Amino acid sequence: MKPRVLIPYQQTWEVASHIPEWEKLSEFVEFIKYKMGTKEEFEEYLGNHEFEALWVTEEFFRVLGGPTPYVEQYPKTLKCMAVPWVGCDFIDGKALLEKHGVYLCNIGPHAVDNVTDLAIHLVVSCFRLTSFYEYCFRFVEPGSVDECKKYVGGTGEDQIMRDGHLFPKKLDTGGTSSRFLNLAKDFDIAGKRVDSPTGKTALILGFGSIGQNIGSKLKFAFDMKIKYYKRSGPVSKEQLGYEATYCNSLDDSSTWNDVDIIVLSLPGTPETDDIIGEKSLSMCKDGVRIVNVGRGSCIDEDALLKALDSGKVNSCGMDVFKNEETVIDERFLHRWDVTLLPHIGSAVADMMVRQTVITLDNIEDVLINGGEGIYRAN
């Protein structure tokens, strides 16, 4: 009998089952397409069926809460839990292996370029406030280039209530009684500086393959000075291919006090919880910018919102949030100085094919070759 791979789905098929690699492995394993219904139906299925690998899908989380609630109910035949993305913090991988003998596999470094694309977009938006400009151009001053430019020059006091929330006030720049504006000194929108990322200093927290790639793009695209923190220690220049300064402590103020932007590409672990919080922000200079493409748990969101209000944080760009499996903190939704994206770091068409190929490789290694997975995560 062929080893079996269970793939849960309901309305969305997330696997590139049309590719040659799928057909090839189908000769050796049986792919079981399980259409999800209720939790009770799934639990009954687990009690009456055996399979050797579980292909984790995003829809699995939305419909049945993901794989973690059923750890004690999986059949003893299960050998591999295959995750077609990078983050595996939804499950205790160590316990999964030690207690149940199940290898947890992900796609390794193969989402690097897609997540980096998004990080660069968020960095640019933080400096140039492009999300504000686009919103203003579309909905506040529809199609008027000149009117959109009249928001430049305001201080933190130049805000009004719009739809129940603070929004920059358009300045009167015409007539003899209007405010004089020195653009070289006052290129701000409601006190938030509009600037270029070129030549600035970035601190990257989390310097694995994604963090290193982000550093490379920031260095070579914008001539930024790169600093980084990596728990396991420094990375050689020969490996990086560019100059970067290693910071060995997050308790040292010199790690934080000269950076213009902080980019987080950290995993979600107890050690990374709320790394950005009141303590770390207090060591930053006023007007620092923050981008998060790692995990939402890494930021104390109350502290961040308070810092945005005070001007300690100029602006931020976020692709991940706390509580994103339900609804994020609605206070972010009403801020004009925050760029928000719905966790789409690697959500692109070509990635669907790539992640399928890598997941197939992991499954083949465990079920056919007797290995531990090409990209074992536990």
Protein backbone atom coordinates (compact mmCIF):
# COMPACT_ATOMS: atom_id res chain seq x y z
CA MET A 1 0.00 0.00 0.00
CA LYS A 2 1.23 3.46 -0.86
CA PRO A 3 1.88 5.88 2.02
CA ARG A 4 -0.92 8.42 2.26
CA VAL A 5 -0.86 12.22 2.44
CA LEU A 6 -3.92 13.98 3.84
CA ILE A 7 -4.66 17.41 2.34
CA PRO A 8 -7.53 19.29 4.05
CA TYR A 9 -9.52 21.80 2.00
CA GLN A 10 -13.03 23.21 1.78
CA GLN A 11 -13.50 25.99 -0.78
CA THR A 12 -9.90 26.72 -1.75
CA TRP A 13 -7.34 24.37 -3.29
CA GLU A 14 -3.88 25.60 -2.27
CA VAL A 15 -1.74 22.94 -3.93
CA ALA A 16 -0.29 23.05 -7.46
CA SER A 17 -1.49 19.55 -8.30
CA HIS A 18 -1.19 20.18 -12.05
CA ILE A 19 2.61 20.15 -12.13
CA PRO A 20 4.84 17.22 -13.26
CA GLU A 21 6.38 16.86 -9.79
CA TRP A 22 2.95 16.05 -8.35
CA GLU A 23 2.28 13.44 -11.02
CA LYS A 24 5.66 11.86 -10.46
CA LEU A 25 5.26 11.49 -6.71
CA SER A 26 1.69 10.25 -7.19
CA GLU A 27 3.21 7.02 -8.46
CA PHE A 28 4.60 6.37 -4.99
CA VAL A 29 2.20 8.07 -2.55
CA GLU A 30 -1.56 8.47 -2.37
CA PHE A 31 -2.83 12.03 -1.99
CA ILE A 32 -6.10 12.13 -0.04
CA LYS A 33 -8.13 15.27 -0.66
CA TYR A 34 -10.17 15.70 2.52
CA LYS A 35 -13.06 18.17 2.25
CA MET A 36 -13.47 19.72 5.68
CA GLY A 37 -16.79 20.01 7.44
CA THR A 38 -17.23 20.24 11.20
CA LYS A 39 -14.68 19.65 13.92
CA GLU A 40 -16.62 16.62 15.07
CA GLU A 41 -16.54 15.11 11.59
CA PHE A 42 -12.79 15.64 11.37
CA GLU A 43 -12.21 14.04 14.77
CA GLU A 44 -14.28 11.05 13.68
CA TYR A 45 -12.26 10.81 10.47
CA LEU A 46 -9.00 10.81 12.44
CA GLY A 47 -10.29 7.97 14.60
CA ASN A 48 -11.05 5.77 11.60
CA HIS A 49 -8.35 6.49 9.03
CA GLU A 50 -4.60 6.20 8.80
CA PHE A 51 -2.18 8.42 6.90
CA GLU A 52 1.54 9.05 7.01
CA ALA A 53 1.76 12.78 6.21
CA LEU A 54 -0.42 15.82 6.82
CA TRP A 55 -0.21 18.67 4.30
CA VAL A 56 -1.03 21.81 6.29
CA THR A 57 -3.14 24.43 4.49
CA GLU A 58 -4.16 27.97 5.40
CA GLU A 59 -7.81 27.01 5.03
CA PHE A 60 -7.25 24.33 7.67
CA PHE A 61 -6.73 27.15 10.18
CA ARG A 62 -9.78 29.10 9.07
CA VAL A 63 -12.15 26.13 9.10
CA LEU A 64 -10.92 23.80 11.84
CA GLY A 65 -8.36 25.81 13.79
CA GLY A 66 -5.26 24.28 12.21
CA PRO A 67 -3.35 21.12 13.11
CA THR A 68 -2.50 21.82 16.74
CA PRO A 69 -5.86 21.01 18.45
CA TYR A 70 -5.75 17.47 17.06
CA VAL A 71 -2.18 16.47 17.96
CA GLU A 72 -3.31 13.72 20.35
CA GLN A 73 -5.79 12.36 17.82
CA TYR A 74 -3.62 11.87 14.76
CA PRO A 75 -3.04 8.24 13.79
CA LYS A 76 0.15 6.60 15.01
CA THR A 77 1.15 6.16 11.38
CA LEU A 78 1.78 9.91 11.02
CA LYS A 79 5.42 10.60 10.25
CA CYS A 80 5.47 14.05 8.66
CA MET A 81 3.63 17.35 9.07
CA ALA A 82 4.41 19.32 5.92
CA VAL A 83 4.02 23.12 6.07
CA PRO A 84 4.18 24.92 2.69
CA TRP A 85 5.49 28.17 4.17
CA VAL A 86 8.16 29.20 6.69
CA GLY A 87 6.56 30.02 10.06
CA CYS A 88 5.76 26.99 12.24
CA ASP A 89 5.17 28.73 15.56
CA PHE A 90 1.55 27.52 15.61
CA ILE A 91 2.73 24.16 16.99
CA ASP A 92 5.30 22.84 19.47
CA GLY A 93 7.65 21.19 17.00
CA LYS A 94 9.93 19.77 19.66
CA ALA A 95 7.07 17.99 21.42
CA LEU A 96 5.71 16.84 18.09
CA LEU A 97 8.96 15.00 17.41
CA GLU A 98 9.84 13.81 20.91
CA LYS A 99 6.37 12.65 21.92
CA HIS A 100 4.87 11.57 18.61
CA GLY A 101 7.87 10.97 16.35
CA VAL A 102 6.56 13.36 13.70
CA TYR A 103 8.92 15.46 11.58
CA LEU A 104 7.81 19.05 11.05
CA CYS A 105 8.95 20.38 7.69
CA ASN A 106 8.66 23.79 6.06
CA ILE A 107 9.98 25.39 2.85
CA GLY A 108 13.28 26.63 4.26
CA PRO A 109 14.72 29.76 2.64
CA HIS A 110 12.53 29.70 -0.46
CA ALA A 111 10.21 32.56 0.52
CA VAL A 112 13.12 34.95 0.96
CA ASP A 113 12.68 37.03 -2.19
CA ASN A 114 8.91 37.46 -1.87
CA VAL A 115 9.03 38.57 1.77
CA THR A 116 11.93 40.88 0.95
CA ASP A 117 9.90 42.50 -1.84
CA LEU A 118 7.23 43.39 0.67
CA ALA A 119 9.69 44.60 3.29
CA ILE A 120 11.24 47.02 0.81
CA HIS A 121 7.79 48.31 -0.14
CA LEU A 122 7.01 48.95 3.53
CA VAL A 123 10.36 50.65 4.12
CA VAL A 124 9.73 53.06 1.25
CA SER A 125 6.20 53.73 2.46
CA CYS A 126 7.44 54.51 5.97
CA PHE A 127 9.88 57.11 4.69
CA ARG A 128 7.77 58.63 1.92
CA LEU A 129 4.33 58.19 3.56
CA THR A 130 3.07 56.80 0.27
CA SER A 131 0.02 55.13 1.84
CA PHE A 132 -1.17 58.51 3.09
CA TYR A 133 -0.58 60.16 -0.27
CA GLU A 134 -2.43 57.45 -2.17
CA TYR A 135 -5.40 57.53 0.20
CA CYS A 136 -5.50 61.32 -0.05
CA PHE A 137 -5.22 61.25 -3.85
CA ARG A 138 -7.99 58.66 -4.21
CA PHE A 139 -10.52 59.59 -1.55
CA VAL A 140 -9.83 62.98 0.08
CA GLU A 141 -8.71 65.12 -2.86
CA PRO A 142 -9.80 62.86 -5.74
CA GLY A 143 -7.41 63.25 -8.65
CA SER A 144 -6.03 66.63 -7.59
CA VAL A 145 -2.24 66.69 -7.52
CA ASP A 146 -2.05 70.27 -6.23
CA GLU A 147 -4.52 69.78 -3.38
CA CYS A 148 -2.68 66.69 -2.11
CA LYS A 149 0.51 68.69 -1.83
CA LYS A 150 -1.15 71.22 0.49
CA TYR A 151 -0.89 68.81 3.43
CA VAL A 152 2.88 69.28 3.61
CA GLY A 153 4.23 71.56 6.32
CA GLY A 154 1.95 70.70 9.21
CA THR A 155 2.92 70.08 12.81
CA GLY A 156 1.40 67.56 15.17
CA GLU A 157 -1.22 70.19 16.02
CA ASP A 158 -2.39 70.34 12.42
CA GLN A 159 -4.86 67.47 12.57
CA ILE A 160 -8.63 67.40 12.34
CA MET A 161 -11.29 64.79 12.94
CA ARG A 162 -12.24 63.00 9.73
CA ASP A 163 -14.82 60.22 9.90
CA GLY A 164 -14.29 60.12 13.65
CA HIS A 165 -10.50 59.81 13.53
CA LEU A 166 -7.50 62.14 13.42
CA PHE A 167 -6.32 63.10 9.96
CA PRO A 168 -3.81 65.70 8.71
CA LYS A 169 -5.20 69.17 8.16
CA LYS A 170 -4.74 70.79 4.77
CA LEU A 171 -2.78 73.99 5.18
CA ASP A 172 -3.71 77.36 3.74
CA THR A 173 -0.80 78.13 1.44
CA GLY A 174 -2.40 80.97 -0.51
CA GLY A 175 -3.10 84.61 0.33
CA THR A 176 -1.30 87.16 2.44
CA SER A 177 -2.54 85.68 5.75
CA SER A 178 -1.44 82.12 5.04
CA ARG A 179 1.35 80.42 6.92
CA PHE A 180 4.87 80.79 5.52
CA LEU A 181 6.31 77.39 4.64
CA ASN A 182 10.02 76.59 4.49
CA LEU A 183 10.02 73.23 2.71
CA ALA A 184 13.70 72.58 3.38
CA LYS A 185 12.98 72.57 7.11
CA ASP A 186 9.32 71.66 7.38
CA PHE A 187 8.71 68.83 4.95
CA ASP A 188 6.36 67.11 7.36
CA ILE A 189 2.75 65.97 7.27
CA ALA A 190 1.09 66.65 10.62
CA GLY A 191 4.49 66.46 12.28
CA LYS A 192 5.59 63.25 10.55
CA ARG A 193 8.71 63.66 8.44
CA VAL A 194 8.58 62.81 4.74
CA ASP A 195 12.07 61.71 3.80
CA SER A 196 14.14 59.41 1.60
CA PRO A 197 15.49 56.05 2.75
CA THR A 198 18.72 56.71 0.88
CA GLY A 199 21.77 56.87 3.12
CA LYS A 200 19.86 56.14 6.32
CA THR A 201 20.63 53.53 9.00
CA ALA A 202 18.59 50.35 9.36
CA LEU A 203 18.55 47.91 12.28
CA ILE A 204 17.40 44.44 11.26
CA LEU A 205 16.14 42.21 14.04
CA GLY A 206 16.21 38.60 12.92
CA PHE A 207 19.09 38.02 10.52
CA GLY A 208 18.38 34.66 8.97
CA SER A 209 18.04 34.24 5.22
CA ILE A 210 15.20 36.78 4.99
CA GLY A 211 16.86 39.38 7.19
CA GLN A 212 20.14 39.05 5.32
CA ASN A 213 18.38 39.46 1.98
CA ILE A 214 16.52 42.53 3.24
CA GLY A 215 19.84 43.97 4.37
CA SER A 216 21.35 43.37 0.94
CA LYS A 217 18.49 45.12 -0.86
CA LEU A 218 18.56 48.10 1.52
CA LYS A 219 22.32 48.36 1.22
CA PHE A 220 22.57 48.21 -2.55
CA ALA A 221 19.31 49.93 -3.49
CA PHE A 222 19.45 52.77 -0.97
CA ASP A 223 23.06 52.80 0.24
CA MET A 224 21.79 52.27 3.79
CA LYS A 225 24.04 51.49 6.71
CA ILE A 226 23.02 48.07 8.03
CA LYS A 227 23.06 47.02 11.67
CA TYR A 228 21.66 43.70 12.83
CA TYR A 229 20.95 41.52 15.80
CA LYS A 230 21.22 37.74 15.50
CA ARG A 231 20.97 35.58 18.59
CA SER A 232 23.43 33.00 17.27
CA GLY A 233 26.14 35.55 16.59
CA PRO A 234 27.68 37.56 13.74
CA VAL A 235 27.69 36.64 10.06
CA SER A 236 30.89 37.04 8.05
CA LYS A 237 31.17 39.67 5.35
CA GLU A 238 32.18 36.90 2.94
CA GLN A 239 28.82 35.20 3.50
CA LEU A 240 26.82 38.43 3.38
CA GLY A 241 28.54 40.12 0.48
CA TYR A 242 28.19 43.53 2.11
CA GLU A 243 29.26 45.48 5.19
CA ALA A 244 26.98 45.19 8.21
CA THR A 245 27.46 45.93 11.90
CA TYR A 246 26.65 43.17 14.36
CA CYS A 247 24.91 44.24 17.59
CA ASN A 248 25.37 41.73 20.39
CA SER A 249 22.83 43.07 22.88
CA LEU A 250 19.32 44.47 22.78
CA ASP A 251 19.90 45.99 26.21
CA ASP A 252 22.68 48.25 24.93
CA SER A 253 21.37 51.69 23.93
CA SER A 254 23.98 51.92 21.16
CA THR A 255 22.08 49.19 19.33
CA TRP A 256 19.07 51.48 18.99
CA ASN A 257 19.99 55.13 19.37
CA ASP A 258 21.24 55.95 15.86
CA VAL A 259 18.86 53.96 13.66
CA ASP A 260 16.34 55.53 11.30
CA ILE A 261 14.33 52.38 10.71
CA ILE A 262 13.92 49.03 12.45
CA VAL A 263 12.97 46.02 10.32
CA LEU A 264 11.72 42.91 12.09
CA SER A 265 12.00 39.52 10.39
CA LEU A 266 11.84 37.48 13.58
CA PRO A 267 10.05 34.21 14.31
CA GLY A 268 7.38 34.11 16.98
CA THR A 269 8.92 32.63 20.14
CA PRO A 270 8.76 33.50 23.85
CA GLU A 271 12.18 35.12 23.45
CA THR A 272 10.95 37.47 20.71
CA ASP A 273 7.66 38.49 22.34
CA ASP A 274 7.34 42.30 22.53
CA ILE A 275 10.94 42.98 21.51
CA ILE A 276 9.60 46.32 20.34
CA GLY A 277 8.09 47.82 23.47
CA GLU A 278 8.46 50.76 25.83
CA LYS A 279 12.01 49.81 26.85
CA SER A 280 13.44 49.42 23.36
CA LEU A 281 11.55 52.42 21.99
CA SER A 282 12.88 54.60 24.79
CA MET A 283 16.41 53.91 23.50
CA CYS A 284 15.51 55.00 19.95
CA LYS A 285 15.81 58.51 18.65
CA ASP A 286 12.64 60.45 18.00
CA GLY A 287 11.07 59.76 14.64
CA VAL A 288 12.29 56.20 14.18
CA ARG A 289 10.35 54.08 11.70
CA ILE A 290 9.34 50.43 12.14
CA VAL A 291 8.59 47.65 9.65
CA ASN A 292 7.42 44.17 10.66
CA VAL A 293 7.40 41.22 8.24
CA GLY A 294 8.15 38.61 10.91
CA ARG A 295 5.53 37.87 13.54
CA GLY A 296 2.99 40.17 15.17
CA SER A 297 3.90 38.86 18.62
CA CYS A 298 7.24 40.68 18.38
CA ILE A 299 5.64 44.11 18.94
CA ASP A 300 3.86 45.48 21.99
CA GLU A 301 1.09 47.12 20.00
CA ASP A 302 -0.06 49.39 22.84
CA ALA A 303 3.48 50.74 23.17
CA LEU A 304 3.73 51.21 19.41
CA LEU A 305 0.47 53.11 19.17
CA LYS A 306 1.51 55.34 22.06
CA ALA A 307 4.85 56.02 20.33
CA LEU A 308 3.10 56.88 17.07
CA ASP A 309 0.96 59.39 18.94
CA SER A 310 3.94 61.01 20.67
CA GLY A 311 6.11 61.14 17.54
CA LYS A 312 8.73 58.80 18.98
CA VAL A 313 7.79 56.58 16.03
CA ASN A 314 7.33 58.54 12.82
CA SER A 315 5.51 55.84 10.88
CA CYS A 316 5.38 52.10 10.49
CA GLY A 317 4.63 49.39 7.94
CA MET A 318 3.10 46.11 9.08
CA ASP A 319 2.32 42.85 7.32
CA VAL A 320 1.79 40.91 10.56
CA PHE A 321 -0.17 41.59 13.72
CA LYS A 322 -1.26 40.18 17.02
CA ASN A 323 -4.67 38.49 16.85
CA GLU A 324 -4.57 38.40 13.05
CA GLU A 325 -6.32 35.04 13.08
CA THR A 326 -9.45 36.96 14.17
CA VAL A 327 -9.44 40.77 13.74
CA ILE A 328 -6.45 43.02 14.37
CA ASP A 329 -6.51 45.96 16.77
CA GLU A 330 -8.86 48.39 15.01
CA ARG A 331 -6.84 51.38 16.16
CA PHE A 332 -4.33 50.59 13.40
CA LEU A 333 -7.06 50.73 10.78
CA HIS A 334 -7.73 54.40 11.48
CA ARG A 335 -4.15 55.64 11.41
CA TRP A 336 -2.93 57.59 8.41
CA ASP A 337 0.74 57.10 9.42
CA VAL A 338 0.69 53.29 9.22
CA THR A 339 0.89 51.12 6.11
CA LEU A 340 -1.14 47.95 6.66
CA LEU A 341 -1.04 44.71 4.67
CA PRO A 342 -2.98 41.49 5.44
CA HIS A 343 -0.02 39.11 5.94
CA ILE A 344 0.81 38.66 2.26
CA GLY A 345 4.59 38.30 2.57
CA SER A 346 4.89 35.35 0.19
CA ALA A 347 1.40 35.42 -1.31
CA VAL A 348 2.18 35.48 -5.02
CA ALA A 349 1.21 33.15 -7.86
CA ASP A 350 4.63 31.70 -8.58
CA MET A 351 5.10 30.90 -4.90
CA MET A 352 2.15 28.51 -4.99
CA VAL A 353 4.04 26.33 -7.45
CA ARG A 354 7.38 26.70 -5.70
CA GLN A 355 6.02 25.82 -2.25
CA THR A 356 4.25 22.78 -3.68
CA VAL A 357 7.49 21.48 -5.20
CA ILE A 358 9.38 21.94 -1.94
CA THR A 359 6.61 20.32 0.11
CA LEU A 360 6.61 17.37 -2.26
CA ASP A 361 10.38 17.08 -1.78
CA ASN A 362 9.93 17.01 2.01
CA ILE A 363 7.22 14.37 1.80
CA GLU A 364 9.25 12.21 -0.58
CA ASP A 365 12.28 12.39 1.66
CA VAL A 366 10.36 11.27 4.75
CA LEU A 367 7.92 8.74 3.27
CA ILE A 368 9.95 7.27 0.41
CA ASN A 369 13.61 7.83 1.30
CA GLY A 370 13.32 7.34 5.05
CA GLY A 371 14.80 10.76 5.76
CA GLU A 372 13.87 13.56 8.14
CA GLY A 373 12.68 16.03 5.49
CA ILE A 374 14.77 18.33 3.30
CA TYR A 375 13.82 21.33 5.43
CA ARG A 376 13.09 19.94 8.87
CA ALA A 377 11.86 22.56 11.32
CA ASN A 378 12.01 20.54 14.56
